[in-house]
Structures are given as structure tokens and as C-alpha cells.
Amino acid sequence: MDVLHTGSVDGFCLGSSDSDFTRLATRIREAELVVYGFGERKTPEPFVAAGDTFVYTEILRNVPVKAGGRVAQAQANIAQRPERNCPRRRLDQAVSPAQPEQPQPPVV
């Protein structure tokens, strides 16, 4: 909570697969900061919903995906989302370096 009050960060990452951090995620969002959650599929829905984006850690493992399984279906659903609504796309945009501004040609 000390870091929250310094104003030196834009958001927080919370890693947990239980609901112990639900209130913390809610409090951080009340301060208008971004909350990224990370946890397993067994994570209770209140904690998943408390943050801006939740990443299931199973997708980070190098394990073959069964065709027709839950993970395969989730990947297919994400692939079909428009880019603006895809949490992974927003995360990529949030952490990618800013593009330098291109010089504008002189007005004649």
C-alpha cells in the first residue's frame, strides 16, 4: 500500500489463485491504477473480475493443447476478438516502447 500512495507507478500485477487479494485489487482500481492479475484456472471469479486483465498461468506453460479442450477453446475465442478488446493486445501495447515521433515536413 505504501507504493500505491507514492504515485510512482501506473499499475500493479497480482499473482494469486485464491480470493485473498480481491479487496486489494479493488482498492488499487479505486485509485485509478491498472491491475493485472495472474493465476491458475481454479482462481475464483471475484478475483478474476476485480482487475483490469487476468492472465491464466496455464497459457504460459509449454504444454501441448488438446484439440477441443478448454484451453484450445479459450485460445480460439481470443483469436476471434477484435484487437481493441483483446486483453493480451492491450498488455502488449502497454509494455511496448513508445514509438519516436516522426518529424513533420515544413508547411509551405
N, C-alpha and C. Protein backbone atom coordinates (compact mmCIF):
# COMPACT_ATOMS: atom_id res chain seq x y z
N MET A 1 0.82 -1.19 0.00
CA MET A 1 0.00 0.00 0.00
C MET A 1 0.87 1.26 0.00
N ASP A 2 2.06 1.16 0.55
CA ASP A 2 2.95 2.32 0.53
C ASP A 2 3.26 2.75 -0.90
N VAL A 3 3.52 1.79 -1.77
CA VAL A 3 3.83 2.10 -3.16
C VAL A 3 2.63 2.76 -3.84
N LEU A 4 1.44 2.31 -3.50
CA LEU A 4 0.22 2.90 -4.07
C LEU A 4 0.16 4.39 -3.80
N HIS A 5 0.52 4.79 -2.59
CA HIS A 5 0.41 6.19 -2.20
C HIS A 5 1.58 7.07 -2.65
N THR A 6 2.64 6.48 -3.19
CA THR A 6 3.75 7.29 -3.67
C THR A 6 3.42 7.94 -5.01
N GLY A 7 2.50 7.34 -5.76
CA GLY A 7 2.17 7.88 -7.08
C GLY A 7 3.23 7.62 -8.11
N SER A 8 4.15 6.69 -7.83
CA SER A 8 5.27 6.45 -8.72
C SER A 8 5.04 5.29 -9.69
N VAL A 9 3.88 4.65 -9.64
CA VAL A 9 3.60 3.52 -10.53
C VAL A 9 2.27 3.75 -11.25
N ASP A 10 2.13 3.09 -12.40
CA ASP A 10 0.90 3.19 -13.18
C ASP A 10 -0.03 2.02 -12.95
N GLY A 11 0.46 0.96 -12.32
CA GLY A 11 -0.37 -0.21 -12.11
C GLY A 11 0.35 -1.25 -11.28
N PHE A 12 -0.36 -2.35 -11.04
CA PHE A 12 0.15 -3.45 -10.23
C PHE A 12 -0.14 -4.77 -10.90
N CYS A 13 0.71 -5.75 -10.65
CA CYS A 13 0.48 -7.14 -11.04
C CYS A 13 0.30 -7.94 -9.76
N LEU A 14 -0.79 -8.68 -9.68
CA LEU A 14 -1.06 -9.52 -8.51
C LEU A 14 -1.12 -10.96 -8.96
N GLY A 15 -0.30 -11.79 -8.37
CA GLY A 15 -0.30 -13.21 -8.71
C GLY A 15 -0.89 -14.01 -7.58
N SER A 16 -2.01 -14.68 -7.85
CA SER A 16 -2.67 -15.49 -6.84
C SER A 16 -3.74 -16.34 -7.51
N SER A 17 -4.04 -17.48 -6.92
CA SER A 17 -5.12 -18.33 -7.42
C SER A 17 -6.22 -18.47 -6.39
N ASP A 18 -6.23 -17.59 -5.40
CA ASP A 18 -7.33 -17.58 -4.45
C ASP A 18 -7.87 -16.17 -4.33
N SER A 19 -8.87 -15.98 -3.54
CA SER A 19 -9.55 -14.68 -3.49
C SER A 19 -9.00 -13.74 -2.42
N ASP A 20 -7.88 -14.07 -1.81
CA ASP A 20 -7.33 -13.23 -0.73
C ASP A 20 -7.00 -11.81 -1.19
N PHE A 21 -6.68 -11.64 -2.47
CA PHE A 21 -6.26 -10.32 -2.94
C PHE A 21 -7.37 -9.56 -3.67
N THR A 22 -8.59 -10.05 -3.59
CA THR A 22 -9.70 -9.40 -4.28
C THR A 22 -9.88 -7.97 -3.79
N ARG A 23 -9.91 -7.77 -2.50
CA ARG A 23 -10.10 -6.42 -1.93
C ARG A 23 -8.93 -5.51 -2.29
N LEU A 24 -7.72 -6.04 -2.30
CA LEU A 24 -6.55 -5.24 -2.68
C LEU A 24 -6.67 -4.78 -4.14
N ALA A 25 -7.05 -5.69 -5.03
CA ALA A 25 -7.23 -5.33 -6.44
C ALA A 25 -8.29 -4.25 -6.58
N THR A 26 -9.37 -4.39 -5.84
CA THR A 26 -10.44 -3.39 -5.89
C THR A 26 -9.95 -2.04 -5.39
N ARG A 27 -9.19 -2.03 -4.32
CA ARG A 27 -8.67 -0.78 -3.75
C ARG A 27 -7.71 -0.09 -4.73
N ILE A 28 -6.88 -0.86 -5.40
CA ILE A 28 -5.94 -0.29 -6.36
C ILE A 28 -6.71 0.32 -7.53
N ARG A 29 -7.74 -0.35 -7.99
CA ARG A 29 -8.55 0.19 -9.10
C ARG A 29 -9.30 1.44 -8.66
N GLU A 30 -9.70 1.51 -7.39
CA GLU A 30 -10.35 2.72 -6.88
C GLU A 30 -9.40 3.92 -6.98
N ALA A 31 -8.11 3.64 -6.90
CA ALA A 31 -7.09 4.70 -7.04
C ALA A 31 -6.79 4.99 -8.51
N GLU A 32 -7.59 4.42 -9.41
CA GLU A 32 -7.47 4.63 -10.85
C GLU A 32 -6.15 4.15 -11.43
N LEU A 33 -5.64 3.03 -10.88
CA LEU A 33 -4.46 2.38 -11.42
C LEU A 33 -4.87 1.07 -12.07
N VAL A 34 -4.04 0.58 -12.96
CA VAL A 34 -4.30 -0.66 -13.67
C VAL A 34 -3.91 -1.85 -12.80
N VAL A 35 -4.72 -2.90 -12.84
CA VAL A 35 -4.42 -4.13 -12.10
C VAL A 35 -4.42 -5.30 -13.07
N TYR A 36 -3.27 -5.97 -13.16
CA TYR A 36 -3.15 -7.20 -13.94
C TYR A 36 -3.09 -8.35 -12.95
N GLY A 37 -3.98 -9.32 -13.12
CA GLY A 37 -3.99 -10.49 -12.27
C GLY A 37 -3.41 -11.68 -13.01
N PHE A 38 -2.74 -12.55 -12.28
CA PHE A 38 -2.18 -13.77 -12.81
C PHE A 38 -2.52 -14.91 -11.87
N GLY A 39 -3.00 -16.03 -12.42
CA GLY A 39 -3.32 -17.17 -11.57
C GLY A 39 -3.78 -18.36 -12.39
N GLU A 40 -4.06 -19.45 -11.70
CA GLU A 40 -4.49 -20.67 -12.36
C GLU A 40 -5.99 -20.63 -12.66
N ARG A 41 -6.45 -21.59 -13.45
CA ARG A 41 -7.86 -21.68 -13.83
C ARG A 41 -8.78 -21.83 -12.63
N LYS A 42 -8.26 -22.32 -11.52
CA LYS A 42 -9.08 -22.52 -10.32
C LYS A 42 -9.35 -21.21 -9.56
N THR A 43 -8.81 -20.10 -10.04
CA THR A 43 -8.97 -18.80 -9.38
C THR A 43 -10.45 -18.43 -9.31
N PRO A 44 -10.95 -18.04 -8.13
CA PRO A 44 -12.36 -17.64 -8.00
C PRO A 44 -12.68 -16.42 -8.87
N GLU A 45 -13.89 -16.42 -9.41
CA GLU A 45 -14.34 -15.36 -10.32
C GLU A 45 -14.24 -13.96 -9.71
N PRO A 46 -14.53 -13.75 -8.41
CA PRO A 46 -14.41 -12.39 -7.86
C PRO A 46 -13.00 -11.79 -8.03
N PHE A 47 -11.96 -12.62 -7.86
CA PHE A 47 -10.61 -12.09 -8.04
C PHE A 47 -10.31 -11.86 -9.52
N VAL A 48 -10.77 -12.77 -10.38
CA VAL A 48 -10.58 -12.60 -11.82
C VAL A 48 -11.22 -11.29 -12.28
N ALA A 49 -12.42 -11.01 -11.78
CA ALA A 49 -13.17 -9.83 -12.21
C ALA A 49 -12.68 -8.54 -11.55
N ALA A 50 -11.94 -8.64 -10.46
CA ALA A 50 -11.54 -7.45 -9.70
C ALA A 50 -10.50 -6.60 -10.42
N GLY A 51 -9.72 -7.20 -11.31
CA GLY A 51 -8.68 -6.45 -12.01
C GLY A 51 -9.11 -6.03 -13.40
N ASP A 52 -8.22 -5.34 -14.08
CA ASP A 52 -8.49 -4.93 -15.46
C ASP A 52 -8.32 -6.09 -16.43
N THR A 53 -7.29 -6.88 -16.20
CA THR A 53 -6.98 -8.00 -17.06
C THR A 53 -6.51 -9.15 -16.19
N PHE A 54 -6.94 -10.37 -16.52
CA PHE A 54 -6.49 -11.55 -15.79
C PHE A 54 -5.88 -12.52 -16.79
N VAL A 55 -4.68 -13.01 -16.48
CA VAL A 55 -3.97 -13.96 -17.33
C VAL A 55 -3.89 -15.29 -16.60
N TYR A 56 -4.43 -16.32 -17.24
CA TYR A 56 -4.34 -17.66 -16.65
C TYR A 56 -2.93 -18.20 -16.91
N THR A 57 -2.27 -18.62 -15.85
CA THR A 57 -0.87 -19.03 -15.97
C THR A 57 -0.69 -20.29 -16.79
N GLU A 58 -1.75 -21.06 -17.01
CA GLU A 58 -1.62 -22.25 -17.84
C GLU A 58 -1.18 -21.90 -19.26
N ILE A 59 -1.55 -20.71 -19.74
CA ILE A 59 -1.16 -20.34 -21.10
C ILE A 59 0.33 -20.00 -21.19
N LEU A 60 0.98 -19.85 -20.04
CA LEU A 60 2.40 -19.52 -20.02
C LEU A 60 3.26 -20.78 -20.03
N ARG A 61 2.64 -21.93 -19.83
CA ARG A 61 3.39 -23.18 -19.78
C ARG A 61 3.57 -23.73 -21.19
N ASN A 62 4.67 -24.43 -21.39
CA ASN A 62 4.95 -25.04 -22.68
C ASN A 62 4.38 -26.46 -22.70
N VAL A 63 3.05 -26.56 -22.73
CA VAL A 63 2.35 -27.84 -22.70
C VAL A 63 1.49 -27.94 -23.95
N PRO A 64 1.49 -29.08 -24.62
CA PRO A 64 0.62 -29.22 -25.79
C PRO A 64 -0.84 -29.03 -25.39
N VAL A 65 -1.59 -28.39 -26.28
CA VAL A 65 -3.01 -28.12 -26.02
C VAL A 65 -3.84 -29.19 -26.72
N LYS A 66 -4.76 -29.81 -25.96
CA LYS A 66 -5.65 -30.81 -26.55
C LYS A 66 -6.67 -30.12 -27.44
N ALA A 67 -6.87 -30.66 -28.64
CA ALA A 67 -7.88 -30.12 -29.55
C ALA A 67 -9.25 -30.27 -28.89
N GLY A 68 -10.03 -29.21 -28.91
CA GLY A 68 -11.38 -29.25 -28.34
C GLY A 68 -11.43 -29.05 -26.84
N GLY A 69 -10.28 -28.92 -26.18
CA GLY A 69 -10.25 -28.72 -24.73
C GLY A 69 -10.54 -27.27 -24.37
N ARG A 70 -10.61 -26.99 -23.05
CA ARG A 70 -10.93 -25.64 -22.57
C ARG A 70 -9.89 -24.62 -23.01
N VAL A 71 -8.62 -24.99 -22.92
CA VAL A 71 -7.56 -24.05 -23.29
C VAL A 71 -7.62 -23.77 -24.80
N ALA A 72 -7.83 -24.82 -25.61
CA ALA A 72 -7.93 -24.61 -27.06
C ALA A 72 -9.11 -23.71 -27.39
N GLN A 73 -10.24 -23.91 -26.70
CA GLN A 73 -11.41 -23.07 -26.94
C GLN A 73 -11.14 -21.62 -26.53
N ALA A 74 -10.47 -21.43 -25.39
CA ALA A 74 -10.15 -20.07 -24.94
C ALA A 74 -9.22 -19.38 -25.94
N GLN A 75 -8.24 -20.10 -26.45
CA GLN A 75 -7.33 -19.52 -27.44
C GLN A 75 -8.08 -19.13 -28.71
N ALA A 76 -9.01 -19.99 -29.12
CA ALA A 76 -9.80 -19.68 -30.31
C ALA A 76 -10.67 -18.46 -30.09
N ASN A 77 -11.25 -18.34 -28.90
CA ASN A 77 -12.08 -17.17 -28.58
C ASN A 77 -11.26 -15.89 -28.60
N ILE A 78 -10.07 -15.94 -28.04
CA ILE A 78 -9.21 -14.76 -28.02
C ILE A 78 -8.81 -14.37 -29.43
N ALA A 79 -8.51 -15.36 -30.26
CA ALA A 79 -8.10 -15.08 -31.64
C ALA A 79 -9.20 -14.41 -32.44
N GLN A 80 -10.47 -14.64 -32.06
CA GLN A 80 -11.59 -14.08 -32.80
C GLN A 80 -11.99 -12.69 -32.32
N ARG A 81 -11.46 -12.26 -31.19
CA ARG A 81 -11.83 -10.94 -30.66
C ARG A 81 -11.24 -9.83 -31.51
N PRO A 82 -11.96 -8.72 -31.62
CA PRO A 82 -11.34 -7.55 -32.25
C PRO A 82 -10.14 -7.10 -31.43
N GLU A 83 -9.14 -6.56 -32.09
CA GLU A 83 -7.91 -6.19 -31.39
C GLU A 83 -8.14 -5.25 -30.22
N ARG A 84 -9.06 -4.34 -30.35
CA ARG A 84 -9.24 -3.35 -29.28
C ARG A 84 -9.78 -3.97 -28.00
N ASN A 85 -10.40 -5.15 -28.07
CA ASN A 85 -10.96 -5.77 -26.88
C ASN A 85 -10.11 -6.91 -26.34
N CYS A 86 -9.01 -7.18 -26.96
CA CYS A 86 -8.17 -8.31 -26.56
C CYS A 86 -7.24 -7.89 -25.43
N PRO A 87 -7.38 -8.48 -24.22
CA PRO A 87 -6.51 -8.09 -23.10
C PRO A 87 -5.03 -8.25 -23.43
N ARG A 88 -4.68 -9.31 -24.16
CA ARG A 88 -3.27 -9.51 -24.49
C ARG A 88 -2.78 -8.38 -25.37
N ARG A 89 -3.58 -7.91 -26.32
CA ARG A 89 -3.20 -6.81 -27.19
C ARG A 89 -3.01 -5.55 -26.35
N ARG A 90 -3.93 -5.29 -25.40
CA ARG A 90 -3.78 -4.10 -24.55
C ARG A 90 -2.52 -4.21 -23.73
N LEU A 91 -2.21 -5.40 -23.22
CA LEU A 91 -1.00 -5.59 -22.43
C LEU A 91 0.23 -5.34 -23.30
N ASP A 92 0.24 -5.88 -24.53
CA ASP A 92 1.37 -5.65 -25.44
C ASP A 92 1.55 -4.17 -25.70
N GLN A 93 0.46 -3.45 -25.90
CA GLN A 93 0.55 -2.02 -26.15
C GLN A 93 1.05 -1.27 -24.92
N ALA A 94 0.67 -1.76 -23.75
CA ALA A 94 1.05 -1.08 -22.51
C ALA A 94 2.54 -1.23 -22.23
N VAL A 95 3.14 -2.34 -22.64
CA VAL A 95 4.54 -2.55 -22.31
C VAL A 95 5.49 -2.33 -23.47
N SER A 96 4.97 -2.09 -24.67
CA SER A 96 5.87 -1.87 -25.80
C SER A 96 6.42 -0.45 -25.73
N PRO A 97 7.67 -0.29 -26.16
CA PRO A 97 8.27 1.05 -26.08
C PRO A 97 7.54 2.04 -26.98
N ALA A 98 7.53 3.25 -26.54
CA ALA A 98 6.86 4.30 -27.32
C ALA A 98 7.59 4.50 -28.64
N GLN A 99 6.82 4.72 -29.68
CA GLN A 99 7.39 4.99 -30.99
C GLN A 99 7.86 6.44 -31.04
N PRO A 100 9.07 6.67 -31.54
CA PRO A 100 9.53 8.06 -31.63
C PRO A 100 8.67 8.81 -32.65
N GLU A 101 8.45 10.06 -32.36
CA GLU A 101 7.66 10.87 -33.29
C GLU A 101 8.44 11.10 -34.56
N GLN A 102 7.73 11.01 -35.69
CA GLN A 102 8.34 11.28 -36.98
C GLN A 102 8.36 12.79 -37.22
N PRO A 103 9.46 13.31 -37.73
CA PRO A 103 9.49 14.76 -37.99
C PRO A 103 8.45 15.11 -39.06
N GLN A 104 7.77 16.20 -38.85
CA GLN A 104 6.76 16.67 -39.78
C GLN A 104 7.41 17.52 -40.85
N PRO A 105 6.97 17.36 -42.11
CA PRO A 105 7.55 18.20 -43.15
C PRO A 105 7.14 19.66 -42.92
N PRO A 106 7.99 20.59 -43.33
CA PRO A 106 7.67 22.01 -43.14
C PRO A 106 6.44 22.40 -43.97
N VAL A 107 5.65 23.28 -43.41
CA VAL A 107 4.47 23.78 -44.11
C VAL A 107 4.91 24.91 -45.04
N VAL A 108 4.54 24.82 -46.31
CA VAL A 108 4.89 25.86 -47.28
C VAL A 108 3.71 26.60 -47.79
